[in-house]
Structures are given as structure tokens and as C-alpha cells.
Amino acid sequence: MAGEFPMKQSVLVKAWTLLHQDELNANWKLAIEGEQIFKINPLQ
């Protein structure tokens, strides 16, 4: 991915990744194994 997000959106993306770090890691492992990943809820 290339480019940058505006500051406000960048802060929101970073906050979301911190809140969902365990889920993101689990999805990463599933993806590597060729398994179906699960949906992660967006920020509300």
C-alpha cells in the first residue's frame, strides 16, 4: 500500500489496530494457512 492517510484517519486506523490486535493476528495466521478469515468490527 502506498500513500498516506490524513492525520485524523491515521489516528483512527492506529487506534483500531490497537483495539483489535489479537483478532488481526488470528486472521493473519488463518490467512497464511489458507483458511477463511473472520470479520472484525469497525470503529463505531
C-alpha atoms as a PDB file:
ATOM      1  CA  MET A   1       0.000   0.000   0.000  1.00  0.00           C
ATOM      2  CA  ALA A   2       1.396   3.374  -0.916  1.00  0.00           C
ATOM      3  CA  GLY A   3       0.424   6.854   0.157  1.00  0.00           C
ATOM      4  CA  GLU A   4      -0.747   8.423   3.367  1.00  0.00           C
ATOM      5  CA  PHE A   5      -3.976   8.915   5.264  1.00  0.00           C
ATOM      6  CA  PRO A   6      -4.982  12.339   6.525  1.00  0.00           C
ATOM      7  CA  MET A   7      -3.966  12.791  10.186  1.00  0.00           C
ATOM      8  CA  LYS A   8      -7.444  12.217  11.663  1.00  0.00           C
ATOM      9  CA  GLN A   9      -7.966   8.984   9.724  1.00  0.00           C
ATOM     10  CA  SER A  10      -4.442   7.819  10.520  1.00  0.00           C
ATOM     11  CA  VAL A  11      -5.129   8.188  14.242  1.00  0.00           C
ATOM     12  CA  LEU A  12      -8.380   6.236  13.888  1.00  0.00           C
ATOM     13  CA  VAL A  13      -6.699   3.404  11.973  1.00  0.00           C
ATOM     14  CA  LYS A  14      -3.938   3.150  14.573  1.00  0.00           C
ATOM     15  CA  ALA A  15      -6.499   3.099  17.411  1.00  0.00           C
ATOM     16  CA  TRP A  16      -8.500   0.387  15.630  1.00  0.00           C
ATOM     17  CA  THR A  17      -5.422  -1.795  15.139  1.00  0.00           C
ATOM     18  CA  LEU A  18      -4.548  -1.488  18.842  1.00  0.00           C
ATOM     19  CA  LEU A  19      -8.081  -2.414  19.879  1.00  0.00           C
ATOM     20  CA  HIS A  20      -8.178  -5.421  17.539  1.00  0.00           C
ATOM     21  CA  GLN A  21      -4.566  -6.599  17.672  1.00  0.00           C
ATOM     22  CA  ASP A  22      -5.424 -10.144  18.815  1.00  0.00           C
ATOM     23  CA  GLU A  23      -8.098 -10.524  16.142  1.00  0.00           C
ATOM     24  CA  LEU A  24      -5.771  -9.190  13.452  1.00  0.00           C
ATOM     25  CA  ASN A  25      -3.050 -11.660  14.476  1.00  0.00           C
ATOM     26  CA  ALA A  26      -5.547 -14.537  14.457  1.00  0.00           C
ATOM     27  CA  ASN A  27      -6.761 -13.538  10.979  1.00  0.00           C
ATOM     28  CA  TRP A  28      -3.170 -13.288   9.760  1.00  0.00           C
ATOM     29  CA  LYS A  29      -2.467 -16.857  10.909  1.00  0.00           C
ATOM     30  CA  LEU A  30      -5.665 -18.107   9.263  1.00  0.00           C
ATOM     31  CA  ALA A  31      -4.794 -16.324   6.007  1.00  0.00           C
ATOM     32  CA  ILE A  32      -1.291 -17.813   5.949  1.00  0.00           C
ATOM     33  CA  GLU A  33      -2.799 -21.283   6.399  1.00  0.00           C
ATOM     34  CA  GLY A  34      -5.260 -20.664   3.569  1.00  0.00           C
ATOM     35  CA  GLU A  35      -8.233 -20.671   5.931  1.00  0.00           C
ATOM     36  CA  GLN A  36     -11.264 -18.384   5.926  1.00  0.00           C
ATOM     37  CA  ILE A  37     -10.693 -15.195   7.924  1.00  0.00           C
ATOM     38  CA  PHE A  38     -13.376 -13.687  10.133  1.00  0.00           C
ATOM     39  CA  LYS A  39     -14.894 -10.232  10.128  1.00  0.00           C
ATOM     40  CA  ILE A  40     -13.536  -7.666  12.577  1.00  0.00           C
ATOM     41  CA  ASN A  41     -15.921  -4.964  13.725  1.00  0.00           C
ATOM     42  CA  PRO A  42     -15.223  -1.389  12.600  1.00  0.00           C
ATOM     43  CA  LEU A  43     -14.918   1.592  14.921  1.00  0.00           C
ATOM     44  CA  GLN A  44     -18.326   2.834  15.942  1.00  0.00           C
END
